């Protein structure tokens, strides 16, 4: 049985109600129908760099309300995807209401437990034919540390209806019934494996940093109660949050579909230009997630049940300052390349030749903790590697400490540029949903021209930007993560696993 949102018309006659329903079918709330068919003077076309074998058409534009937007046209697509990403995430949760950003994400969809916004459809669902979604059609909603994804993907014959519905939900009514539904949704999500993984990886973080309590203990969770008083207070907070954060200059938008670029441009201006643009204040996190006095150390996590496949993994994690401003140099990616390329002197070749590892992966997230982030060196161990875990850790530290002589050589950076460009040309073609998500995230860091190229962008050699990363690759600025059983592991009632922190 499908759930619907009910709407009560107060102080309106029947004719007025019929007119309102008619308007809802043909145009979204706050959008001006007259603008839909007119040229959009605010759009500034920018050539988007793409691989030579990519036949899709791209257009980077700015809407009249200043939303940075990417349009992607591919006539072969059978689905239409929208991704609206807000630059607000879980790190902004109030300290006594962990899960607030997660709740807000659900509330945009009427508090939906399952991400099928179209099953709740709209305030006027009983008067409008529903979209009838299938298992391959979903709304997109996810709260990350620093951003929140909102959107949907449907088969192309449902594009117009889906846009109308999504536009209505972005008006954010946040009724009491929806908040109750949202609380149920959060309590269900808090026990899934993905949420558990997040708690595991940051179980040793400072208790003063919000990343330690993304979903947190029930006593400080936003969804701990659905009493009338709590719901009333929550609604007030949700509306205030929406009013203070839901700004066009605080988000990015990506639309991927089979329509022409001009048609996609009409869609986005018509359905998203209503979003206001105003100054937004972001929460300033000054607390270190991993204070220097607590480093280095090793976090051991009990490899239970679904974690068994991770029991042969270990990761050395270095903490780096937020350097997204250095996107033209991409120093994190450059360092990753030096460690993992096929050169005979790289860390990868050394560990493979010793038969210690079957694979290596270096990844970074420079804003994971707010004003700082990490660079991870992760490996999958062979049987020989299992017997030499400490030797592998020592080799990682040895190689990162010796990088300076290689990293600050401009000729090596030119080789990196050539490799990055080659790898970009060989990138896989993503489906519409994944592409929309990737581009909406990249638009926060890269100008539209480089949004698709993203991490493969390398434009200039900046020794100071690279040196800043090198200064962070030190033993006393790191921790090791291992999914390995240890004696006397810690049991925390608020965590569904055992762990142990061993200081060096």
Protein backbone atom coordinates (compact mmCIF):
# COMPACT_ATOMS: atom_id res chain seq x y z
CA UNK A 1 0.00 0.00 0.00
CA UNK A 2 1.40 3.35 -1.02
CA UNK A 3 1.74 6.18 1.47
CA UNK A 4 0.64 9.66 0.47
CA UNK A 5 0.95 13.10 1.93
CA UNK A 6 -2.43 14.57 2.83
CA UNK A 7 -3.31 18.20 2.27
CA UNK A 8 -6.12 20.10 3.92
CA UNK A 9 -7.46 23.17 2.11
CA UNK A 10 -8.49 25.83 4.61
CA UNK A 11 -10.63 28.90 3.82
CA UNK A 12 -10.70 28.13 0.11
CA UNK A 13 -13.68 27.35 -2.11
CA UNK A 14 -13.90 24.34 -4.41
CA UNK A 15 -13.12 26.40 -7.51
CA UNK A 16 -9.97 27.75 -5.87
CA UNK A 17 -8.89 24.21 -4.95
CA UNK A 18 -9.38 23.00 -8.51
CA UNK A 19 -7.38 25.92 -9.86
CA UNK A 20 -4.58 25.16 -7.38
CA UNK A 21 -4.43 21.51 -8.46
CA UNK A 22 -4.39 22.54 -12.10
CA UNK A 23 -1.45 24.85 -11.47
CA UNK A 24 0.39 22.11 -9.62
CA UNK A 25 0.16 19.80 -12.59
CA UNK A 26 1.52 22.34 -15.05
CA UNK A 27 4.04 24.29 -12.96
CA UNK A 28 5.96 23.88 -9.69
CA UNK A 29 5.46 26.15 -6.71
CA UNK A 30 7.34 29.47 -6.98
CA UNK A 31 8.45 28.85 -10.60
CA UNK A 32 7.32 31.35 -13.22
CA UNK A 33 5.77 29.69 -16.23
CA UNK A 34 6.61 32.67 -18.47
CA UNK A 35 10.33 32.10 -17.91
CA UNK A 36 10.16 28.47 -19.04
CA UNK A 37 9.99 29.19 -22.78
CA UNK A 38 12.26 32.22 -22.79
CA UNK A 39 16.05 32.35 -23.31
CA UNK A 40 18.00 32.27 -20.07
CA UNK A 41 20.43 35.22 -20.10
CA UNK A 42 22.20 34.15 -16.89
CA UNK A 43 23.68 31.00 -18.42
CA UNK A 44 27.37 31.20 -19.22
CA UNK A 45 28.56 28.32 -21.39
CA UNK A 46 31.96 26.84 -20.53
CA UNK A 47 33.68 24.07 -22.46
CA UNK A 48 33.92 21.02 -20.22
CA UNK A 49 37.02 18.83 -20.62
CA UNK A 50 36.13 15.21 -21.34
CA UNK A 51 37.85 12.05 -22.66
CA UNK A 52 38.04 11.84 -26.45
CA UNK A 53 35.88 8.72 -26.55
CA UNK A 54 33.14 10.32 -24.41
CA UNK A 55 30.26 11.06 -26.78
CA UNK A 56 28.12 12.80 -24.17
CA UNK A 57 27.60 16.55 -24.36
CA UNK A 58 28.37 18.69 -21.32
CA UNK A 59 27.52 22.26 -20.44
CA UNK A 60 28.61 24.16 -17.33
CA UNK A 61 26.27 27.03 -16.47
CA UNK A 62 25.23 29.28 -13.63
CA UNK A 63 21.51 29.70 -13.05
CA UNK A 64 19.91 33.08 -12.52
CA UNK A 65 20.02 32.46 -8.74
CA UNK A 66 23.73 31.48 -8.85
CA UNK A 67 23.49 27.69 -8.52
CA UNK A 68 26.58 26.18 -10.12
CA UNK A 69 25.12 23.66 -12.55
CA UNK A 70 26.30 20.94 -14.93
CA UNK A 71 24.13 19.59 -17.74
CA UNK A 72 24.89 16.25 -19.40
CA UNK A 73 23.09 15.09 -22.53
CA UNK A 74 23.24 11.50 -23.79
CA UNK A 75 20.49 10.36 -26.22
CA UNK A 76 21.25 6.71 -25.35
CA UNK A 77 20.23 7.09 -21.70
CA UNK A 78 17.01 5.48 -20.54
CA UNK A 79 16.99 7.30 -17.20
CA UNK A 80 16.86 10.92 -16.13
CA UNK A 81 19.02 11.81 -13.10
CA UNK A 82 19.11 14.87 -10.86
CA UNK A 83 21.60 15.54 -8.06
CA UNK A 84 21.28 18.66 -5.92
CA UNK A 85 24.12 18.78 -3.38
CA UNK A 86 23.98 21.06 -0.35
CA UNK A 87 27.26 22.09 1.30
CA UNK A 88 25.99 21.11 4.74
CA UNK A 89 26.55 17.74 6.35
CA UNK A 90 26.83 15.79 9.55
CA UNK A 91 29.74 17.76 10.94
CA UNK A 92 27.30 20.60 11.43
CA UNK A 93 25.03 18.57 13.72
CA UNK A 94 24.31 20.15 17.12
CA UNK A 95 26.39 18.37 19.80
CA UNK A 96 23.25 17.20 21.60
CA UNK A 97 21.40 16.20 18.41
CA UNK A 98 23.54 13.86 16.37
CA UNK A 99 21.79 12.79 13.21
CA UNK A 100 20.24 16.21 12.53
CA UNK A 101 21.63 16.43 8.97
CA UNK A 102 20.49 12.87 8.35
CA UNK A 103 16.99 13.77 9.55
CA UNK A 104 16.94 16.89 7.39
CA UNK A 105 17.81 14.79 4.33
CA UNK A 106 14.86 12.48 5.07
CA UNK A 107 12.55 15.39 5.76
CA UNK A 108 13.08 16.81 2.26
CA UNK A 109 11.31 13.64 1.12
CA UNK A 110 8.54 13.87 3.66
CA UNK A 111 10.44 11.74 6.18
CA UNK A 112 10.42 8.74 3.85
CA UNK A 113 11.75 5.54 5.41
CA UNK A 114 12.66 4.13 2.02
CA UNK A 115 14.14 6.47 -0.51
CA UNK A 116 11.09 6.33 -2.78
CA UNK A 117 9.89 9.90 -2.67
CA UNK A 118 7.38 9.22 -5.39
CA UNK A 119 5.46 6.74 -3.26
CA UNK A 120 4.62 9.65 -0.99
CA UNK A 121 4.35 11.81 -4.11
CA UNK A 122 2.94 15.18 -3.03
CA UNK A 123 0.45 17.11 -0.96
CA UNK A 124 -2.09 16.56 -3.74
CA UNK A 125 -1.33 12.90 -4.44
CA UNK A 126 -4.98 11.86 -4.32
CA UNK A 127 -5.79 14.32 -7.10
CA UNK A 128 -2.85 13.58 -9.40
CA UNK A 129 -1.92 10.34 -11.12
CA UNK A 130 1.09 8.84 -9.36
CA UNK A 131 4.36 8.11 -11.08
CA UNK A 132 4.39 4.37 -10.26
CA UNK A 133 8.08 3.94 -9.60
CA UNK A 134 9.82 0.60 -10.00
CA UNK A 135 12.83 -0.93 -8.24
CA UNK A 136 15.25 0.82 -10.61
CA UNK A 137 13.83 4.27 -9.92
CA UNK A 138 14.75 5.98 -6.72
CA UNK A 139 15.15 9.29 -5.05
CA UNK A 140 18.71 10.08 -4.01
CA UNK A 141 19.34 11.12 -0.42
CA UNK A 142 22.48 10.85 1.66
CA UNK A 143 24.10 12.96 4.36
CA UNK A 144 27.91 13.01 4.28
CA UNK A 145 30.37 14.71 6.62
CA UNK A 146 30.38 17.98 4.68
CA UNK A 147 27.49 17.75 2.22
CA UNK A 148 24.03 16.33 1.63
CA UNK A 149 22.81 14.77 -1.63
CA UNK A 150 19.24 15.27 -2.76
CA UNK A 151 17.81 14.10 -6.06
CA UNK A 152 16.25 11.26 -8.03
CA UNK A 153 16.58 9.05 -11.08
CA UNK A 154 13.59 7.80 -13.08
CA UNK A 155 12.87 6.41 -16.52
CA UNK A 156 12.68 9.21 -19.05
CA UNK A 157 8.91 9.02 -19.59
CA UNK A 158 8.45 10.16 -15.97
CA UNK A 159 10.85 13.12 -16.12
CA UNK A 160 8.33 15.94 -16.03
CA UNK A 161 6.23 14.45 -13.24
CA UNK A 162 9.30 13.68 -11.16
CA UNK A 163 10.59 17.25 -11.51
CA UNK A 164 7.24 18.63 -10.34
CA UNK A 165 7.27 16.37 -7.28
CA UNK A 166 10.89 17.08 -6.42
CA UNK A 167 10.26 20.81 -6.73
CA UNK A 168 7.38 20.53 -4.25
CA UNK A 169 9.45 18.63 -1.72
CA UNK A 170 12.17 21.27 -1.85
CA UNK A 171 9.62 23.71 -0.43
CA UNK A 172 10.18 21.88 2.89
CA UNK A 173 6.87 21.91 4.78
CA UNK A 174 8.10 19.53 7.52
CA UNK A 175 4.75 18.49 9.00
CA UNK A 176 4.46 16.67 12.34
CA UNK A 177 3.44 13.49 10.52
CA UNK A 178 6.52 13.72 8.32
CA UNK A 179 8.81 14.27 11.30
CA UNK A 180 7.44 11.14 13.00
CA UNK A 181 8.09 9.23 9.79
CA UNK A 182 11.60 10.69 9.64
CA UNK A 183 12.36 9.64 13.22
CA UNK A 184 11.32 6.06 12.38
CA UNK A 185 13.57 6.21 9.31
CA UNK A 186 16.61 7.34 11.29
CA UNK A 187 16.15 4.72 13.97
CA UNK A 188 16.05 2.08 11.26
CA UNK A 189 19.13 3.43 9.50
CA UNK A 190 21.17 3.58 12.69
CA UNK A 191 21.47 -0.21 12.78
CA UNK A 192 22.61 -0.77 9.19
CA UNK A 193 26.11 -1.97 8.34
CA UNK A 194 27.15 1.19 6.58
CA UNK A 195 26.45 3.24 9.69
CA UNK A 196 28.38 0.73 11.80
CA UNK A 197 31.41 1.07 9.51
CA UNK A 198 31.51 4.82 10.05
CA UNK A 199 31.47 4.33 13.81
CA UNK A 200 34.24 1.76 13.59
CA UNK A 201 36.66 3.89 11.63
CA UNK A 202 36.35 6.85 14.01
CA UNK A 203 35.93 5.05 17.33
CA UNK A 204 39.33 6.38 18.44
CA UNK A 205 38.67 10.02 17.47
CA UNK A 206 38.57 12.77 20.07
CA UNK A 207 35.27 12.74 22.00
CA UNK A 208 35.19 16.51 21.46
CA UNK A 209 35.01 16.18 17.67
CA UNK A 210 31.59 15.64 16.02
CA UNK A 211 32.84 12.87 13.73
CA UNK A 212 33.00 10.61 16.77
CA UNK A 213 29.23 10.80 17.18
CA UNK A 214 27.69 10.98 13.73
CA UNK A 215 24.81 8.76 14.78
CA UNK A 216 25.89 8.56 18.37
CA UNK A 217 24.42 7.16 21.53
CA UNK A 218 20.59 7.22 21.76
CA UNK A 219 20.78 9.73 24.62
CA UNK A 220 22.11 12.49 22.34
CA UNK A 221 20.45 11.45 19.10
CA UNK A 222 17.99 13.71 17.34
CA UNK A 223 15.51 10.85 16.87
CA UNK A 224 15.36 9.73 20.48
CA UNK A 225 11.76 10.86 20.97
CA UNK A 226 8.63 11.50 18.90
CA UNK A 227 6.65 13.20 21.64
CA UNK A 228 4.50 16.17 20.64
CA UNK A 229 6.82 18.61 22.41
CA UNK A 230 9.96 17.21 20.79
CA UNK A 231 8.40 17.18 17.34
CA UNK A 232 7.25 20.77 17.75
CA UNK A 233 10.78 21.82 18.73
CA UNK A 234 12.30 19.76 15.91
CA UNK A 235 10.04 21.34 13.32
CA UNK A 236 11.10 24.78 14.43
CA UNK A 237 14.76 23.79 14.14
CA UNK A 238 14.32 22.11 10.75
CA UNK A 239 12.58 25.14 9.31
CA UNK A 240 15.27 27.44 10.72
CA UNK A 241 17.99 25.22 9.28
CA UNK A 242 16.32 25.19 5.88
CA UNK A 243 15.94 28.96 5.93
CA UNK A 244 19.56 29.52 6.97
CA UNK A 245 21.31 26.90 4.80
CA UNK A 246 19.15 26.16 1.76
CA UNK A 247 20.75 28.81 -0.43
CA UNK A 248 21.56 28.65 -4.12
CA UNK A 249 25.14 29.76 -3.49
CA UNK A 250 25.52 26.90 -1.00
CA UNK A 251 24.78 24.10 -3.46
CA UNK A 252 25.57 22.53 -6.80
CA UNK A 253 23.20 20.95 -9.31
CA UNK A 254 23.72 18.27 -11.96
CA UNK A 255 21.14 16.97 -14.44
CA UNK A 256 21.87 13.98 -16.70
CA UNK A 257 19.39 12.86 -19.34
CA UNK A 258 18.72 12.00 -22.99
CA UNK A 259 17.33 15.48 -23.70
CA UNK A 260 19.25 18.16 -25.58
CA UNK A 261 21.40 20.57 -23.59
CA UNK A 262 18.98 23.39 -24.39
CA UNK A 263 16.05 21.37 -23.06
CA UNK A 264 17.99 20.48 -19.88
CA UNK A 265 18.80 24.17 -19.47
CA UNK A 266 15.08 24.97 -19.61
CA UNK A 267 14.35 22.31 -17.01
CA UNK A 268 16.89 23.53 -14.46
CA UNK A 269 15.96 27.20 -14.73
CA UNK A 270 12.26 26.40 -14.50
CA UNK A 271 12.41 23.99 -11.56
CA UNK A 272 15.36 25.26 -9.50
CA UNK A 273 15.63 29.03 -9.97
CA UNK A 274 13.11 29.58 -7.16
CA UNK A 275 15.79 28.67 -4.59
CA UNK A 276 16.91 31.90 -2.88
CA UNK A 277 20.52 33.03 -2.68
CA UNK A 278 21.82 34.64 0.52
CA UNK A 279 24.94 34.67 2.75
CA UNK A 280 25.43 31.38 4.59
CA UNK A 281 27.44 30.91 7.77
CA UNK A 282 29.22 27.58 8.12
CA UNK A 283 30.09 25.92 11.39
CA UNK A 284 33.78 26.42 12.14
CA UNK A 285 35.31 23.26 13.61
CA UNK A 286 38.57 24.04 15.38
CA UNK A 287 38.85 20.87 17.48
CA UNK A 288 41.30 18.31 16.11
CA UNK A 289 39.78 14.90 15.43
CA UNK A 290 43.13 13.34 16.32
CA UNK A 291 45.15 15.59 18.67
CA UNK A 292 48.91 15.36 18.24
CA UNK A 293 49.38 14.05 21.79
CA UNK A 294 47.30 10.95 20.93
CA UNK A 295 49.48 10.02 17.93
CA UNK A 296 50.79 7.72 16.68
CA UNK A 297 48.59 4.80 17.62
CA UNK A 298 46.94 1.73 16.13
CA UNK A 299 43.19 1.13 16.04
CA UNK A 300 42.32 -2.57 16.06
CA UNK A 301 38.76 -3.47 15.06
CA UNK A 302 37.18 -6.85 15.73
CA UNK A 303 36.79 -8.53 12.29
CA UNK A 304 33.37 -9.96 12.99
CA UNK A 305 30.74 -11.23 10.54
CA UNK A 306 30.68 -9.03 7.43
CA UNK A 307 34.13 -7.60 8.26
CA UNK A 308 35.87 -10.92 7.68
CA UNK A 309 36.79 -9.88 4.13
CA UNK A 310 38.71 -6.94 5.61
CA UNK A 311 40.83 -9.05 7.95
CA UNK A 312 43.73 -9.03 5.45
CA UNK A 313 43.73 -5.21 5.15
CA UNK A 314 45.72 -2.59 6.94
CA UNK A 315 45.79 1.17 6.47
CA UNK A 316 48.27 3.83 7.50
CA UNK A 317 46.40 7.12 7.78
CA UNK A 318 48.13 10.51 7.79
CA UNK A 319 46.28 13.68 8.78
CA UNK A 320 46.56 16.56 6.33
CA UNK A 321 45.28 20.16 6.31
CA UNK A 322 42.39 21.07 4.05
CA UNK A 323 44.14 21.92 0.76
CA UNK A 324 41.22 21.92 -1.70
CA UNK A 325 42.30 25.42 -2.74
CA UNK A 326 45.34 23.80 -4.37
CA UNK A 327 43.21 21.94 -6.93
CA UNK A 328 45.36 23.12 -9.85
CA UNK A 329 48.33 21.23 -8.39
CA UNK A 330 46.38 18.37 -6.77
CA UNK A 331 49.27 17.57 -4.38
CA UNK A 332 47.40 14.71 -2.69
CA UNK A 333 46.90 12.95 -6.02
CA UNK A 334 50.52 13.62 -6.95
CA UNK A 335 51.77 11.98 -3.77
CA UNK A 336 49.38 9.06 -4.36
CA UNK A 337 50.79 8.62 -7.86
CA UNK A 338 54.38 8.54 -6.60
CA UNK A 339 53.52 5.78 -4.14
CA UNK A 340 51.46 3.62 -6.49
CA UNK A 341 52.81 4.04 -10.03
CA UNK A 342 54.60 1.21 -11.81
CA UNK A 343 58.05 2.73 -11.49
CA UNK A 344 60.60 0.28 -10.09
CA UNK A 345 61.31 2.57 -7.14
CA UNK A 346 57.70 3.07 -6.02
CA UNK A 347 56.23 1.71 -2.78
CA UNK A 348 53.82 -0.42 -4.79
CA UNK A 349 56.60 -2.18 -6.70
CA UNK A 350 58.61 -2.77 -3.52
CA UNK A 351 55.70 -4.39 -1.65
CA UNK A 352 54.57 -6.44 -4.65
CA UNK A 353 58.09 -7.69 -5.37
CA UNK A 354 58.38 -8.83 -1.74
CA UNK A 355 55.06 -10.65 -2.19
CA UNK A 356 53.66 -8.70 0.76
CA UNK A 357 50.55 -7.28 -0.90
CA UNK A 358 48.06 -8.09 -3.65
CA UNK A 359 46.95 -4.47 -4.07
CA UNK A 360 47.56 -0.94 -2.80
CA UNK A 361 45.27 2.06 -2.75
CA UNK A 362 46.04 5.63 -1.73
CA UNK A 363 43.09 7.94 -1.24
CA UNK A 364 42.53 11.29 0.42
CA UNK A 365 39.72 13.38 1.85
CA UNK A 366 41.16 16.77 2.83
CA UNK A 367 37.94 18.05 4.40
CA UNK A 368 36.74 14.93 6.21
CA UNK A 369 37.15 16.46 9.67
CA UNK A 370 36.15 20.00 8.76
CA UNK A 371 39.31 22.07 8.62
CA UNK A 372 41.46 18.99 8.05
CA UNK A 373 41.35 15.54 6.50
CA UNK A 374 43.46 12.48 5.75
CA UNK A 375 45.61 10.67 3.22
CA UNK A 376 45.31 6.89 3.48
CA UNK A 377 47.79 4.27 2.32
CA UNK A 378 45.82 1.02 2.30
CA UNK A 379 47.01 -2.45 1.30
CA UNK A 380 45.55 -5.93 0.91
CA UNK A 381 47.95 -8.50 2.36
CA UNK A 382 49.09 -11.79 0.91
CA UNK A 383 49.80 -14.77 3.16
CA UNK A 384 53.43 -13.66 3.30
CA UNK A 385 52.27 -10.15 4.11
CA UNK A 386 50.18 -11.44 7.01
CA UNK A 387 53.40 -12.66 8.61
CA UNK A 388 55.11 -9.32 8.05
CA UNK A 389 52.56 -6.69 9.04
CA UNK A 390 55.00 -4.56 11.02
CA UNK A 391 57.59 -4.68 8.22
CA UNK A 392 54.93 -3.37 5.80
CA UNK A 393 54.00 -0.54 8.15
CA UNK A 394 57.68 0.35 8.57
CA UNK A 395 58.18 0.36 4.78
CA UNK A 396 55.21 2.71 4.32
CA UNK A 397 56.67 5.13 6.85
CA UNK A 398 60.11 4.80 5.26
CA UNK A 399 58.84 5.60 1.77
CA UNK A 400 56.68 8.54 2.80
CA UNK A 401 59.59 10.06 4.74
CA UNK A 402 61.84 9.76 1.68
CA UNK A 403 59.40 11.29 -0.80
CA UNK A 404 60.80 14.82 -0.59
CA UNK A 405 63.65 14.10 -3.00
CA UNK A 406 61.20 12.84 -5.64
CA UNK A 407 58.14 14.98 -5.09
CA UNK A 408 59.85 18.34 -5.40
CA UNK A 409 61.46 17.49 -8.74
CA UNK A 410 59.53 19.25 -11.51
CA UNK A 411 60.35 16.57 -14.10
CA UNK A 412 58.56 14.00 -11.94
CA UNK A 413 55.52 16.26 -11.80
CA UNK A 414 55.52 16.48 -15.62
CA UNK A 415 55.47 12.67 -15.72
CA UNK A 416 52.56 12.76 -13.31
CA UNK A 417 50.68 15.19 -15.59
CA UNK A 418 51.19 12.87 -18.55
CA UNK A 419 50.01 9.86 -16.53
CA UNK A 420 47.00 11.75 -15.14
CA UNK A 421 45.92 12.81 -18.63
CA UNK A 422 46.35 9.25 -19.90
CA UNK A 423 44.31 7.81 -17.04
CA UNK A 424 41.61 10.41 -17.59
CA UNK A 425 41.27 9.34 -21.21
CA UNK A 426 40.73 5.77 -19.99
CA UNK A 427 38.11 6.51 -17.31
CA UNK A 428 35.01 4.37 -17.41
CA UNK A 429 31.72 5.81 -18.58
CA UNK A 430 29.50 6.11 -15.51
CA UNK A 431 25.75 5.64 -15.50
CA UNK A 432 23.65 8.77 -15.10
CA UNK A 433 23.14 8.44 -11.35
CA UNK A 434 26.83 7.91 -10.49
CA UNK A 435 27.92 10.62 -12.91
CA UNK A 436 25.50 13.15 -11.40
CA UNK A 437 26.78 12.37 -7.89
CA UNK A 438 30.44 12.65 -8.89
CA UNK A 439 29.96 15.94 -10.75
CA UNK A 440 27.91 17.58 -7.98
CA UNK A 441 30.72 16.84 -5.52
CA UNK A 442 33.49 17.97 -7.89
CA UNK A 443 31.77 21.28 -8.58
CA UNK A 444 32.49 22.31 -4.98
CA UNK A 445 36.24 22.07 -5.70
CA UNK A 446 36.78 22.44 -9.44
CA UNK A 447 35.51 25.05 -11.91
CA UNK A 448 32.96 23.72 -14.39
CA UNK A 449 35.59 23.26 -17.08
CA UNK A 450 37.44 20.71 -14.92
CA UNK A 451 34.52 19.16 -13.02
CA UNK A 452 34.54 15.93 -15.05
CA UNK A 453 38.32 15.64 -15.02
CA UNK A 454 38.39 16.27 -11.27
CA UNK A 455 41.17 14.31 -9.57
CA UNK A 456 43.00 13.93 -12.90
CA UNK A 457 43.48 17.70 -13.12
CA UNK A 458 47.14 18.76 -13.02
CA UNK A 459 47.88 22.25 -14.29
CA UNK A 460 50.86 23.65 -12.44
CA UNK A 461 53.79 22.64 -10.28
CA UNK A 462 53.51 24.34 -6.88
CA UNK A 463 56.35 23.27 -4.59
CA UNK A 464 54.88 24.96 -1.49
CA UNK A 465 51.51 23.17 -1.86
CA UNK A 466 53.30 19.85 -2.24
CA UNK A 467 55.61 20.57 0.70
CA UNK A 468 52.58 21.16 2.94
CA UNK A 469 51.46 17.58 2.28
CA UNK A 470 54.95 16.20 2.78
CA UNK A 471 55.15 17.89 6.17
CA UNK A 472 52.12 15.84 7.23
CA UNK A 473 53.47 12.42 6.20
CA UNK A 474 55.15 11.69 9.52
CA UNK A 475 54.95 8.83 11.98
CA UNK A 476 53.81 11.10 14.81
CA UNK A 477 50.99 12.45 12.63
CA UNK A 478 49.43 9.10 11.79
CA UNK A 479 47.48 6.11 12.98
CA UNK A 480 47.25 2.52 11.73
CA UNK A 481 43.91 0.76 11.20
CA UNK A 482 43.75 -3.04 11.31
CA UNK A 483 40.78 -5.40 11.34
CA UNK A 484 42.43 -7.87 13.65
CA UNK A 485 41.44 -9.56 16.90
CA UNK A 486 43.33 -8.46 20.02
CA UNK A 487 43.13 -9.47 23.69
CA UNK A 488 41.17 -7.24 26.06
CA UNK A 489 39.30 -5.31 23.37
CA UNK A 490 37.08 -2.41 24.49
CA UNK A 491 33.33 -2.92 24.72
CA UNK A 492 31.27 0.26 24.34
CA UNK A 493 27.47 -0.14 24.83
CA UNK A 494 26.84 2.48 22.14
CA UNK A 495 28.99 0.66 19.55
CA UNK A 496 28.10 -2.67 17.89
CA UNK A 497 31.70 -3.95 17.80
CA UNK A 498 34.84 -4.31 19.90
CA UNK A 499 37.96 -2.25 19.36
CA UNK A 500 41.29 -1.50 20.95
CA UNK A 501 43.66 1.47 20.74
CA UNK A 502 47.36 0.68 21.19
CA UNK A 503 49.69 3.63 21.66
CA UNK A 504 53.28 3.50 20.52
